[in-house]
Amino acid sequence: GPSSTVNQWLADRGLQTLPMRQGLLVSGTRQQFSTAFQVTVDLEALPISLPIPPELDDFVSSITIPSPPHYQ
């Protein structure tokens, strides 16, 4: 199904996934994200939207690296 296709694509690139209520939480190193999505991940520019690879276009509506939470 769609989720197994997406999970496999991410796993093949060394990224880990965790199902969430809406979507997936994807974790990995900055280098893994940069290589998988063929972008430079600038941590100063968060949040950023990543391009959706053609293989996932039918299954994924958006991929975003959010800003980290701010603690006070």
C-alpha atoms as a PDB file:
ATOM      1  CA  GLY A   1       0.000   0.000   0.000  1.00  0.00           C
ATOM      2  CA  PRO A   2       0.928   3.680  -0.033  1.00  0.00           C
ATOM      3  CA  SER A   3       2.392   3.728   3.470  1.00  0.00           C
ATOM      4  CA  SER A   4       4.624   0.719   2.801  1.00  0.00           C
ATOM      5  CA  THR A   5       5.880   2.380  -0.403  1.00  0.00           C
ATOM      6  CA  VAL A   6       6.735   5.573   1.480  1.00  0.00           C
ATOM      7  CA  ASN A   7       8.253   3.717   4.449  1.00  0.00           C
ATOM      8  CA  GLN A   8      10.414   1.601   2.137  1.00  0.00           C
ATOM      9  CA  TRP A   9      11.630   4.618   0.144  1.00  0.00           C
ATOM     10  CA  LEU A  10      12.659   6.375   3.360  1.00  0.00           C
ATOM     11  CA  ALA A  11      14.210   3.237   4.892  1.00  0.00           C
ATOM     12  CA  ASP A  12      16.238   2.629   1.726  1.00  0.00           C
ATOM     13  CA  ARG A  13      17.818   6.042   2.356  1.00  0.00           C
ATOM     14  CA  GLY A  14      18.607   5.380   6.021  1.00  0.00           C
ATOM     15  CA  LEU A  15      15.708   7.404   7.444  1.00  0.00           C
ATOM     16  CA  GLN A  16      13.568   6.115  10.302  1.00  0.00           C
ATOM     17  CA  THR A  17       9.792   6.551  10.436  1.00  0.00           C
ATOM     18  CA  LEU A  18       7.250   6.688  13.222  1.00  0.00           C
ATOM     19  CA  PRO A  19       3.528   6.747  12.398  1.00  0.00           C
ATOM     20  CA  MET A  20       1.601   9.727  13.728  1.00  0.00           C
ATOM     21  CA  ARG A  21      -2.086  10.586  13.773  1.00  0.00           C
ATOM     22  CA  GLN A  22      -1.606  12.452  10.507  1.00  0.00           C
ATOM     23  CA  GLY A  23       1.410  11.359   8.531  1.00  0.00           C
ATOM     24  CA  LEU A  24       4.829  10.163   9.562  1.00  0.00           C
ATOM     25  CA  LEU A  25       7.553  11.483  11.806  1.00  0.00           C
ATOM     26  CA  VAL A  26      10.776  10.945   9.858  1.00  0.00           C
ATOM     27  CA  SER A  27      14.146  11.103  11.571  1.00  0.00           C
ATOM     28  CA  GLY A  28      17.712  10.949  10.376  1.00  0.00           C
ATOM     29  CA  THR A  29      20.836  13.019  10.083  1.00  0.00           C
ATOM     30  CA  ARG A  30      21.064  16.260   8.133  1.00  0.00           C
ATOM     31  CA  GLN A  31      23.262  14.422   5.613  1.00  0.00           C
ATOM     32  CA  GLN A  32      20.674  11.647   5.180  1.00  0.00           C
ATOM     33  CA  PHE A  33      17.931  14.221   4.486  1.00  0.00           C
ATOM     34  CA  SER A  34      20.206  16.189   2.144  1.00  0.00           C
ATOM     35  CA  THR A  35      21.076  13.062   0.168  1.00  0.00           C
ATOM     36  CA  ALA A  36      17.548  11.602   0.099  1.00  0.00           C
ATOM     37  CA  PHE A  37      15.866  14.815  -1.027  1.00  0.00           C
ATOM     38  CA  GLN A  38      18.837  16.259  -2.977  1.00  0.00           C
ATOM     39  CA  VAL A  39      18.763  19.564  -1.087  1.00  0.00           C
ATOM     40  CA  THR A  40      20.991  21.438   1.322  1.00  0.00           C
ATOM     41  CA  VAL A  41      19.302  21.430   4.719  1.00  0.00           C
ATOM     42  CA  ASP A  42      19.979  24.826   6.284  1.00  0.00           C
ATOM     43  CA  LEU A  43      19.155  24.569   9.978  1.00  0.00           C
ATOM     44  CA  GLU A  44      19.092  28.369  10.238  1.00  0.00           C
ATOM     45  CA  ALA A  45      16.225  28.535   7.742  1.00  0.00           C
ATOM     46  CA  LEU A  46      13.725  26.244   9.479  1.00  0.00           C
ATOM     47  CA  PRO A  47      10.944  25.465   8.851  1.00  0.00           C
ATOM     48  CA  ILE A  48      11.635  24.325   5.300  1.00  0.00           C
ATOM     49  CA  SER A  49       9.574  22.361   2.809  1.00  0.00           C
ATOM     50  CA  LEU A  50      11.373  19.563   1.007  1.00  0.00           C
ATOM     51  CA  PRO A  51      10.664  18.591  -2.602  1.00  0.00           C
ATOM     52  CA  ILE A  52       8.512  15.483  -2.970  1.00  0.00           C
ATOM     53  CA  PRO A  53      10.420  12.821  -4.921  1.00  0.00           C
ATOM     54  CA  PRO A  54       8.598  11.595  -8.055  1.00  0.00           C
ATOM     55  CA  GLU A  55       8.364   8.082  -6.569  1.00  0.00           C
ATOM     56  CA  LEU A  56       6.308   9.443  -3.653  1.00  0.00           C
ATOM     57  CA  ASP A  57       4.242  12.020  -5.536  1.00  0.00           C
ATOM     58  CA  ASP A  58       1.092   9.869  -5.537  1.00  0.00           C
ATOM     59  CA  PHE A  59       1.282   9.250  -1.773  1.00  0.00           C
ATOM     60  CA  VAL A  60       2.706  12.372  -0.120  1.00  0.00           C
ATOM     61  CA  SER A  61       1.213  15.881  -0.044  1.00  0.00           C
ATOM     62  CA  SER A  62       4.027  17.679   1.802  1.00  0.00           C
ATOM     63  CA  ILE A  63       7.357  17.136   3.551  1.00  0.00           C
ATOM     64  CA  THR A  64       8.412  19.749   6.086  1.00  0.00           C
ATOM     65  CA  ILE A  65      11.276  20.072   8.544  1.00  0.00           C
ATOM     66  CA  PRO A  66       9.712  22.133  11.347  1.00  0.00           C
ATOM     67  CA  SER A  67      11.419  24.651  13.584  1.00  0.00           C
ATOM     68  CA  PRO A  68      12.535  23.105  16.870  1.00  0.00           C
ATOM     69  CA  PRO A  69      10.336  23.902  19.857  1.00  0.00           C
ATOM     70  CA  HIS A  70      11.351  26.872  21.994  1.00  0.00           C
ATOM     71  CA  TYR A  71      11.555  26.250  25.706  1.00  0.00           C
ATOM     72  CA  GLN A  72      11.320  28.958  28.302  1.00  0.00           C
END
